[in-house]
């Protein structure tokens, strides 16, 4: 599985507080070894091709599977989930 870091994800990463970045690193390690790891609580956004997973209590990251690759789309607070619902 190849993982692609999109520009919006990179931009969001730069805006995260230090603790959230550290938690994201840990979440991505779990994600790389097992995308369905229990601590990630990965779920699909209803009506979309976009998935989201837990970074911490307050933070999430979104991703999508496409052509055998995983595209990391966004990272941030729960607000990113509302924004992602309107994109495809």
PDB file of N, CA and C in Angstrom:
ATOM      1  N   UNK A   1       0.856  -1.176   0.000  1.00  0.00           N
ATOM      2  CA  UNK A   1       0.000   0.000   0.000  1.00  0.00           C
ATOM      3  C   UNK A   1       0.904   1.241   0.000  1.00  0.00           C
ATOM      4  N   UNK A   2       0.714   2.061  -0.982  1.00  0.00           N
ATOM      5  CA  UNK A   2       1.478   3.300  -1.099  1.00  0.00           C
ATOM      6  C   UNK A   2       0.654   4.439  -0.504  1.00  0.00           C
ATOM      7  N   UNK A   3       1.299   5.285   0.294  1.00  0.00           N
ATOM      8  CA  UNK A   3       0.600   6.392   0.942  1.00  0.00           C
ATOM      9  C   UNK A   3       1.063   7.697   0.322  1.00  0.00           C
ATOM     10  N   UNK A   4       0.091   8.506  -0.092  1.00  0.00           N
ATOM     11  CA  UNK A   4       0.355   9.802  -0.726  1.00  0.00           C
ATOM     12  C   UNK A   4      -0.070  10.908   0.243  1.00  0.00           C
ATOM     13  N   UNK A   5       0.834  11.827   0.528  1.00  0.00           N
ATOM     14  CA  UNK A   5       0.533  12.980   1.373  1.00  0.00           C
ATOM     15  C   UNK A   5       0.135  14.140   0.462  1.00  0.00           C
ATOM     16  N   UNK A   6      -1.142  14.505   0.450  1.00  0.00           N
ATOM     17  CA  UNK A   6      -1.610  15.585  -0.415  1.00  0.00           C
ATOM     18  C   UNK A   6      -1.157  16.937   0.141  1.00  0.00           C
ATOM     19  N   UNK A   7      -1.181  17.944  -0.714  1.00  0.00           N
ATOM     20  CA  UNK A   7      -0.797  19.295  -0.271  1.00  0.00           C
ATOM     21  C   UNK A   7      -1.685  19.812   0.865  1.00  0.00           C
ATOM     22  N   UNK A   8      -3.022  19.651   0.786  1.00  0.00           N
ATOM     23  CA  UNK A   8      -3.845  20.107   1.921  1.00  0.00           C
ATOM     24  C   UNK A   8      -3.464  19.393   3.228  1.00  0.00           C
ATOM     25  N   UNK A   9      -3.120  18.108   3.149  1.00  0.00           N
ATOM     26  CA  UNK A   9      -2.703  17.387   4.349  1.00  0.00           C
ATOM     27  C   UNK A   9      -1.403  17.973   4.898  1.00  0.00           C
ATOM     28  N   UNK A  10      -0.452  18.238   4.019  1.00  0.00           N
ATOM     29  CA  UNK A  10       0.826  18.824   4.449  1.00  0.00           C
ATOM     30  C   UNK A  10       0.611  20.196   5.084  1.00  0.00           C
ATOM     31  N   UNK A  11      -0.256  20.980   4.490  1.00  0.00           N
ATOM     32  CA  UNK A  11      -0.554  22.311   5.024  1.00  0.00           C
ATOM     33  C   UNK A  11      -1.203  22.190   6.410  1.00  0.00           C
ATOM     34  N   UNK A  12      -2.184  21.292   6.519  1.00  0.00           N
ATOM     35  CA  UNK A  12      -2.850  21.074   7.804  1.00  0.00           C
ATOM     36  C   UNK A  12      -1.858  20.604   8.862  1.00  0.00           C
ATOM     37  N   UNK A  13      -0.960  19.711   8.465  1.00  0.00           N
ATOM     38  CA  UNK A  13       0.041  19.202   9.396  1.00  0.00           C
ATOM     39  C   UNK A  13       0.857  20.346   9.994  1.00  0.00           C
ATOM     40  N   UNK A  14       1.255  21.281   9.157  1.00  0.00           N
ATOM     41  CA  UNK A  14       2.043  22.428   9.618  1.00  0.00           C
ATOM     42  C   UNK A  14       1.292  23.323  10.587  1.00  0.00           C
ATOM     43  N   UNK A  15      -0.013  23.277  10.541  1.00  0.00           N
ATOM     44  CA  UNK A  15      -0.836  24.117  11.411  1.00  0.00           C
ATOM     45  C   UNK A  15      -1.219  23.444  12.727  1.00  0.00           C
ATOM     46  N   UNK A  16      -0.963  22.153  12.828  1.00  0.00           N
ATOM     47  CA  UNK A  16      -1.335  21.429  14.048  1.00  0.00           C
ATOM     48  C   UNK A  16      -0.429  21.817  15.212  1.00  0.00           C
ATOM     49  N   UNK A  17      -0.987  21.860  16.424  1.00  0.00           N
ATOM     50  CA  UNK A  17      -0.138  22.068  17.602  1.00  0.00           C
ATOM     51  C   UNK A  17       0.822  20.891  17.769  1.00  0.00           C
ATOM     52  N   UNK A  18       1.904  21.116  18.486  1.00  0.00           N
ATOM     53  CA  UNK A  18       2.938  20.097  18.656  1.00  0.00           C
ATOM     54  C   UNK A  18       2.372  18.770  19.159  1.00  0.00           C
ATOM     55  N   UNK A  19       1.534  18.807  20.183  1.00  0.00           N
ATOM     56  CA  UNK A  19       0.975  17.572  20.747  1.00  0.00           C
ATOM     57  C   UNK A  19       0.137  16.813  19.717  1.00  0.00           C
ATOM     58  N   UNK A  20      -0.613  17.540  18.893  1.00  0.00           N
ATOM     59  CA  UNK A  20      -1.435  16.901  17.862  1.00  0.00           C
ATOM     60  C   UNK A  20      -0.545  16.279  16.786  1.00  0.00           C
ATOM     61  N   UNK A  21       0.564  16.932  16.460  1.00  0.00           N
ATOM     62  CA  UNK A  21       1.497  16.357  15.486  1.00  0.00           C
ATOM     63  C   UNK A  21       2.101  15.057  15.996  1.00  0.00           C
ATOM     64  N   UNK A  22       2.481  15.075  17.262  1.00  0.00           N
ATOM     65  CA  UNK A  22       3.054  13.871  17.856  1.00  0.00           C
ATOM     66  C   UNK A  22       2.026  12.734  17.853  1.00  0.00           C
ATOM     67  N   UNK A  23       0.773  13.062  18.192  1.00  0.00           N
ATOM     68  CA  UNK A  23      -0.298  12.057  18.173  1.00  0.00           C
ATOM     69  C   UNK A  23      -0.558  11.576  16.747  1.00  0.00           C
ATOM     70  N   UNK A  24      -0.446  12.468  15.765  1.00  0.00           N
ATOM     71  CA  UNK A  24      -0.630  12.078  14.368  1.00  0.00           C
ATOM     72  C   UNK A  24       0.459  11.092  13.931  1.00  0.00           C
ATOM     73  N   UNK A  25       1.683  11.323  14.339  1.00  0.00           N
ATOM     74  CA  UNK A  25       2.774  10.395  14.013  1.00  0.00           C
ATOM     75  C   UNK A  25       2.447   8.998  14.531  1.00  0.00           C
ATOM     76  N   UNK A  26       1.970   8.941  15.768  1.00  0.00           N
ATOM     77  CA  UNK A  26       1.617   7.654  16.364  1.00  0.00           C
ATOM     78  C   UNK A  26       0.458   7.004  15.599  1.00  0.00           C
ATOM     79  N   UNK A  27      -0.557   7.797  15.272  1.00  0.00           N
ATOM     80  CA  UNK A  27      -1.716   7.285  14.531  1.00  0.00           C
ATOM     81  C   UNK A  27      -1.300   6.773  13.154  1.00  0.00           C
ATOM     82  N   UNK A  28      -0.409   7.478  12.495  1.00  0.00           N
ATOM     83  CA  UNK A  28       0.042   7.046  11.166  1.00  0.00           C
ATOM     84  C   UNK A  28       0.854   5.753  11.233  1.00  0.00           C
ATOM     85  N   UNK A  29       1.607   5.555  12.312  1.00  0.00           N
ATOM     86  CA  UNK A  29       2.321   4.283  12.480  1.00  0.00           C
ATOM     87  C   UNK A  29       1.324   3.130  12.565  1.00  0.00           C
ATOM     88  N   UNK A  30       0.264   3.326  13.356  1.00  0.00           N
ATOM     89  CA  UNK A  30      -0.787   2.314  13.433  1.00  0.00           C
ATOM     90  C   UNK A  30      -1.434   2.106  12.066  1.00  0.00           C
ATOM     91  N   UNK A  31      -1.721   3.216  11.386  1.00  0.00           N
ATOM     92  CA  UNK A  31      -2.399   3.175  10.099  1.00  0.00           C
ATOM     93  C   UNK A  31      -1.581   2.405   9.062  1.00  0.00           C
ATOM     94  N   UNK A  32      -0.270   2.633   9.048  1.00  0.00           N
ATOM     95  CA  UNK A  32       0.594   1.964   8.072  1.00  0.00           C
ATOM     96  C   UNK A  32       0.622   0.457   8.308  1.00  0.00           C
ATOM     97  N   UNK A  33       0.676   0.053   9.563  1.00  0.00           N
ATOM     98  CA  UNK A  33       0.724  -1.385   9.853  1.00  0.00           C
ATOM     99  C   UNK A  33      -0.643  -2.042   9.770  1.00  0.00           C
ATOM    100  N   UNK A  34      -1.699  -1.296  10.133  1.00  0.00           N
ATOM    101  CA  UNK A  34      -3.055  -1.849  10.111  1.00  0.00           C
ATOM    102  C   UNK A  34      -4.071  -0.710  10.033  1.00  0.00           C
ATOM    103  N   UNK A  35      -4.568  -0.383   8.840  1.00  0.00           N
ATOM    104  CA  UNK A  35      -5.516   0.727   8.698  1.00  0.00           C
ATOM    105  C   UNK A  35      -6.797   0.568   9.522  1.00  0.00           C
ATOM    106  N   UNK A  36      -7.077  -0.642   9.972  1.00  0.00           N
ATOM    107  CA  UNK A  36      -8.278  -0.888  10.777  1.00  0.00           C
ATOM    108  C   UNK A  36      -7.959  -1.034  12.267  1.00  0.00           C
ATOM    109  N   UNK A  37      -6.808  -0.536  12.680  1.00  0.00           N
ATOM    110  CA  UNK A  37      -6.418  -0.632  14.088  1.00  0.00           C
ATOM    111  C   UNK A  37      -7.511  -0.003  14.965  1.00  0.00           C
ATOM    112  N   UNK A  38      -7.806  -0.672  16.065  1.00  0.00           N
ATOM    113  CA  UNK A  38      -8.911  -0.228  16.938  1.00  0.00           C
ATOM    114  C   UNK A  38      -8.776   1.212  17.409  1.00  0.00           C
ATOM    115  N   UNK A  39      -7.573   1.641  17.735  1.00  0.00           N
ATOM    116  CA  UNK A  39      -7.400   2.990  18.286  1.00  0.00           C
ATOM    117  C   UNK A  39      -7.707   4.078  17.259  1.00  0.00           C
ATOM    118  N   UNK A  40      -7.652   3.741  15.976  1.00  0.00           N
ATOM    119  CA  UNK A  40      -7.937   4.727  14.928  1.00  0.00           C
ATOM    120  C   UNK A  40      -9.431   4.981  14.770  1.00  0.00           C
ATOM    121  N   UNK A  41     -10.223   3.971  15.077  1.00  0.00           N
ATOM    122  CA  UNK A  41     -11.684   4.063  14.921  1.00  0.00           C
ATOM    123  C   UNK A  41     -12.061   4.576  13.532  1.00  0.00           C
ATOM    124  N   UNK A  42     -11.437   4.026  12.521  1.00  0.00           N
ATOM    125  CA  UNK A  42     -11.659   4.466  11.137  1.00  0.00           C
ATOM    126  C   UNK A  42     -13.088   4.177  10.693  1.00  0.00           C
ATOM    127  N   UNK A  43     -13.683   5.188  10.056  1.00  0.00           N
ATOM    128  CA  UNK A  43     -15.051   5.068   9.546  1.00  0.00           C
ATOM    129  C   UNK A  43     -15.153   5.831   8.231  1.00  0.00           C
ATOM    130  N   UNK A  44     -16.111   5.437   7.438  1.00  0.00           N
ATOM    131  CA  UNK A  44     -16.357   6.120   6.170  1.00  0.00           C
ATOM    132  C   UNK A  44     -17.365   7.238   6.398  1.00  0.00           C
ATOM    133  N   UNK A  45     -17.090   8.407   5.802  1.00  0.00           N
ATOM    134  CA  UNK A  45     -18.060   9.494   5.863  1.00  0.00           C
ATOM    135  C   UNK A  45     -19.268   9.100   5.025  1.00  0.00           C
ATOM    136  N   UNK A  46     -20.449   9.146   5.580  1.00  0.00           N
ATOM    137  CA  UNK A  46     -21.649   8.718   4.838  1.00  0.00           C
ATOM    138  C   UNK A  46     -21.814   9.465   3.516  1.00  0.00           C
ATOM    139  N   UNK A  47     -22.092   8.705   2.468  1.00  0.00           N
ATOM    140  CA  UNK A  47     -22.361   9.295   1.160  1.00  0.00           C
ATOM    141  C   UNK A  47     -21.135   9.778   0.415  1.00  0.00           C
ATOM    142  N   UNK A  48     -19.932   9.397   0.882  1.00  0.00           N
ATOM    143  CA  UNK A  48     -18.699   9.840   0.216  1.00  0.00           C
ATOM    144  C   UNK A  48     -17.761   8.653   0.027  1.00  0.00           C
ATOM    145  N   UNK A  49     -16.638   8.911  -0.628  1.00  0.00           N
ATOM    146  CA  UNK A  49     -15.579   7.908  -0.754  1.00  0.00           C
ATOM    147  C   UNK A  49     -14.476   8.186   0.263  1.00  0.00           C
ATOM    148  N   UNK A  50     -14.715   9.117   1.157  1.00  0.00           N
ATOM    149  CA  UNK A  50     -13.719   9.585   2.119  1.00  0.00           C
ATOM    150  C   UNK A  50     -13.882   8.869   3.459  1.00  0.00           C
ATOM    151  N   UNK A  51     -12.759   8.484   4.013  1.00  0.00           N
ATOM    152  CA  UNK A  51     -12.707   7.859   5.334  1.00  0.00           C
ATOM    153  C   UNK A  51     -12.070   8.835   6.312  1.00  0.00           C
ATOM    154  N   UNK A  52     -12.318   8.622   7.605  1.00  0.00           N
ATOM    155  CA  UNK A  52     -11.626   9.408   8.612  1.00  0.00           C
ATOM    156  C   UNK A  52     -11.180   8.500   9.745  1.00  0.00           C
ATOM    157  N   UNK A  53     -10.141   8.934  10.444  1.00  0.00           N
ATOM    158  CA  UNK A  53      -9.603   8.173  11.564  1.00  0.00           C
ATOM    159  C   UNK A  53      -9.222   9.131  12.684  1.00  0.00           C
ATOM    160  N   UNK A  54      -9.141   8.582  13.860  1.00  0.00           N
ATOM    161  CA  UNK A  54      -8.890   9.361  15.067  1.00  0.00           C
ATOM    162  C   UNK A  54      -7.394   9.581  15.266  1.00  0.00           C
ATOM    163  N   UNK A  55      -7.024  10.828  15.517  1.00  0.00           N
ATOM    164  CA  UNK A  55      -5.665  11.167  15.937  1.00  0.00           C
ATOM    165  C   UNK A  55      -5.643  11.222  17.465  1.00  0.00           C
ATOM    166  N   UNK A  56      -6.617  11.939  18.007  1.00  0.00           N
ATOM    167  CA  UNK A  56      -6.773  12.081  19.449  1.00  0.00           C
ATOM    168  C   UNK A  56      -8.245  12.379  19.708  1.00  0.00           C
ATOM    169  N   UNK A  57      -8.553  12.708  20.917  1.00  0.00           N
ATOM    170  CA  UNK A  57      -9.949  13.014  21.243  1.00  0.00           C
ATOM    171  C   UNK A  57     -10.491  14.165  20.383  1.00  0.00           C
ATOM    172  N   UNK A  58      -9.658  15.148  20.112  1.00  0.00           N
ATOM    173  CA  UNK A  58     -10.110  16.346  19.406  1.00  0.00           C
ATOM    174  C   UNK A  58      -9.733  16.392  17.924  1.00  0.00           C
ATOM    175  N   UNK A  59      -8.832  15.537  17.480  1.00  0.00           N
ATOM    176  CA  UNK A  59      -8.300  15.644  16.118  1.00  0.00           C
ATOM    177  C   UNK A  59      -8.565  14.384  15.298  1.00  0.00           C
ATOM    178  N   UNK A  60      -8.729  14.586  13.991  1.00  0.00           N
ATOM    179  CA  UNK A  60      -8.976  13.504  13.040  1.00  0.00           C
ATOM    180  C   UNK A  60      -8.138  13.737  11.780  1.00  0.00           C
ATOM    181  N   UNK A  61      -7.963  12.677  11.004  1.00  0.00           N
ATOM    182  CA  UNK A  61      -7.399  12.847   9.664  1.00  0.00           C
ATOM    183  C   UNK A  61      -8.296  12.107   8.684  1.00  0.00           C
ATOM    184  N   UNK A  62      -8.341  12.606   7.452  1.00  0.00           N
ATOM    185  CA  UNK A  62      -9.180  11.990   6.433  1.00  0.00           C
ATOM    186  C   UNK A  62      -8.280  11.394   5.345  1.00  0.00           C
ATOM    187  N   UNK A  63      -8.828  10.387   4.677  1.00  0.00           N
ATOM    188  CA  UNK A  63      -8.082   9.708   3.631  1.00  0.00           C
ATOM    189  C   UNK A  63      -9.059   9.044   2.683  1.00  0.00           C
ATOM    190  N   UNK A  64      -8.529   8.629   1.542  1.00  0.00           N
ATOM    191  CA  UNK A  64      -9.336   7.850   0.596  1.00  0.00           C
ATOM    192  C   UNK A  64      -8.457   6.823  -0.094  1.00  0.00           C
ATOM    193  N   UNK A  65      -9.088   5.734  -0.458  1.00  0.00           N
ATOM    194  CA  UNK A  65      -8.426   4.666  -1.216  1.00  0.00           C
ATOM    195  C   UNK A  65      -8.718   4.912  -2.691  1.00  0.00           C
ATOM    196  N   UNK A  66      -7.641   4.907  -3.496  1.00  0.00           N
ATOM    197  CA  UNK A  66      -7.827   5.091  -4.932  1.00  0.00           C
ATOM    198  C   UNK A  66      -6.715   4.361  -5.681  1.00  0.00           C
ATOM    199  N   UNK A  67      -7.104   3.474  -6.575  1.00  0.00           N
ATOM    200  CA  UNK A  67      -6.149   2.752  -7.424  1.00  0.00           C
ATOM    201  C   UNK A  67      -5.031   2.078  -6.622  1.00  0.00           C
ATOM    202  N   UNK A  68      -5.380   1.448  -5.513  1.00  0.00           N
ATOM    203  CA  UNK A  68      -4.395   0.742  -4.709  1.00  0.00           C
ATOM    204  C   UNK A  68      -3.505   1.625  -3.862  1.00  0.00           C
ATOM    205  N   UNK A  69      -3.820   2.902  -3.813  1.00  0.00           N
ATOM    206  CA  UNK A  69      -3.044   3.853  -3.020  1.00  0.00           C
ATOM    207  C   UNK A  69      -3.951   4.504  -1.984  1.00  0.00           C
ATOM    208  N   UNK A  70      -3.334   5.048  -0.951  1.00  0.00           N
ATOM    209  CA  UNK A  70      -4.075   5.777   0.075  1.00  0.00           C
ATOM    210  C   UNK A  70      -3.650   7.239  -0.007  1.00  0.00           C
ATOM    211  N   UNK A  71      -4.624   8.112  -0.166  1.00  0.00           N
ATOM    212  CA  UNK A  71      -4.369   9.546  -0.221  1.00  0.00           C
ATOM    213  C   UNK A  71      -4.776  10.156   1.114  1.00  0.00           C
ATOM    214  N   UNK A  72      -3.804  10.691   1.856  1.00  0.00           N
ATOM    215  CA  UNK A  72      -4.103  11.402   3.090  1.00  0.00           C
ATOM    216  C   UNK A  72      -4.559  12.795   2.685  1.00  0.00           C
ATOM    217  N   UNK A  73      -5.788  13.140   3.035  1.00  0.00           N
ATOM    218  CA  UNK A  73      -6.422  14.355   2.526  1.00  0.00           C
ATOM    219  C   UNK A  73      -6.299  15.550   3.457  1.00  0.00           C
ATOM    220  N   UNK A  74      -6.730  15.388   4.695  1.00  0.00           N
ATOM    221  CA  UNK A  74      -6.771  16.508   5.638  1.00  0.00           C
ATOM    222  C   UNK A  74      -6.422  16.018   7.035  1.00  0.00           C
ATOM    223  N   UNK A  75      -6.036  16.935   7.920  1.00  0.00           N
ATOM    224  CA  UNK A  75      -5.791  16.633   9.327  1.00  0.00           C
ATOM    225  C   UNK A  75      -6.190  17.860  10.123  1.00  0.00           C
ATOM    226  N   UNK A  76      -6.923  17.650  11.209  1.00  0.00           N
ATOM    227  CA  UNK A  76      -7.337  18.782  12.032  1.00  0.00           C
ATOM    228  C   UNK A  76      -8.438  18.397  12.996  1.00  0.00           C
ATOM    229  N   UNK A  77      -9.136  19.407  13.481  1.00  0.00           N
ATOM    230  CA  UNK A  77     -10.230  19.184  14.423  1.00  0.00           C
ATOM    231  C   UNK A  77     -11.414  18.569  13.686  1.00  0.00           C
ATOM    232  N   UNK A  78     -12.462  18.311  14.424  1.00  0.00           N
ATOM    233  CA  UNK A  78     -13.660  17.712  13.832  1.00  0.00           C
ATOM    234  C   UNK A  78     -14.231  18.553  12.683  1.00  0.00           C
ATOM    235  N   UNK A  79     -13.900  19.826  12.640  1.00  0.00           N
ATOM    236  CA  UNK A  79     -14.404  20.700  11.574  1.00  0.00           C
ATOM    237  C   UNK A  79     -14.032  20.193  10.183  1.00  0.00           C
ATOM    238  N   UNK A  80     -12.912  19.506  10.055  1.00  0.00           N
ATOM    239  CA  UNK A  80     -12.518  19.012   8.726  1.00  0.00           C
ATOM    240  C   UNK A  80     -13.508  17.986   8.205  1.00  0.00           C
ATOM    241  N   UNK A  81     -14.177  17.283   9.118  1.00  0.00           N
ATOM    242  CA  UNK A  81     -15.163  16.288   8.680  1.00  0.00           C
ATOM    243  C   UNK A  81     -16.345  16.961   8.011  1.00  0.00           C
ATOM    244  N   UNK A  82     -16.775  18.085   8.560  1.00  0.00           N
ATOM    245  CA  UNK A  82     -17.882  18.824   7.950  1.00  0.00           C
ATOM    246  C   UNK A  82     -17.488  19.336   6.569  1.00  0.00           C
ATOM    247  N   UNK A  83     -16.261  19.802   6.420  1.00  0.00           N
ATOM    248  CA  UNK A  83     -15.790  20.308   5.129  1.00  0.00           C
ATOM    249  C   UNK A  83     -15.676  19.181   4.109  1.00  0.00           C
ATOM    250  N   UNK A  84     -15.231  18.018   4.545  1.00  0.00           N
ATOM    251  CA  UNK A  84     -15.028  16.892   3.636  1.00  0.00           C
ATOM    252  C   UNK A  84     -16.335  16.306   3.125  1.00  0.00           C
ATOM    253  N   UNK A  85     -17.403  16.422   3.874  1.00  0.00           N
ATOM    254  CA  UNK A  85     -18.690  15.855   3.447  1.00  0.00           C
ATOM    255  C   UNK A  85     -19.170  16.447   2.128  1.00  0.00           C
ATOM    256  N   UNK A  86     -18.738  17.667   1.832  1.00  0.00           N
ATOM    257  CA  UNK A  86     -19.213  18.343   0.633  1.00  0.00           C
ATOM    258  C   UNK A  86     -18.255  18.205  -0.540  1.00  0.00           C
ATOM    259  N   UNK A  87     -17.192  17.413  -0.362  1.00  0.00           N
ATOM    260  CA  UNK A  87     -16.233  17.183  -1.436  1.00  0.00           C
ATOM    261  C   UNK A  87     -16.316  15.741  -1.877  1.00  0.00           C
ATOM    262  N   UNK A  88     -15.818  15.470  -3.018  1.00  0.00           N
ATOM    263  CA  UNK A  88     -15.762  14.081  -3.490  1.00  0.00           C
ATOM    264  C   UNK A  88     -14.363  13.701  -3.821  1.00  0.00           C
TER     265      UNK A  88
END
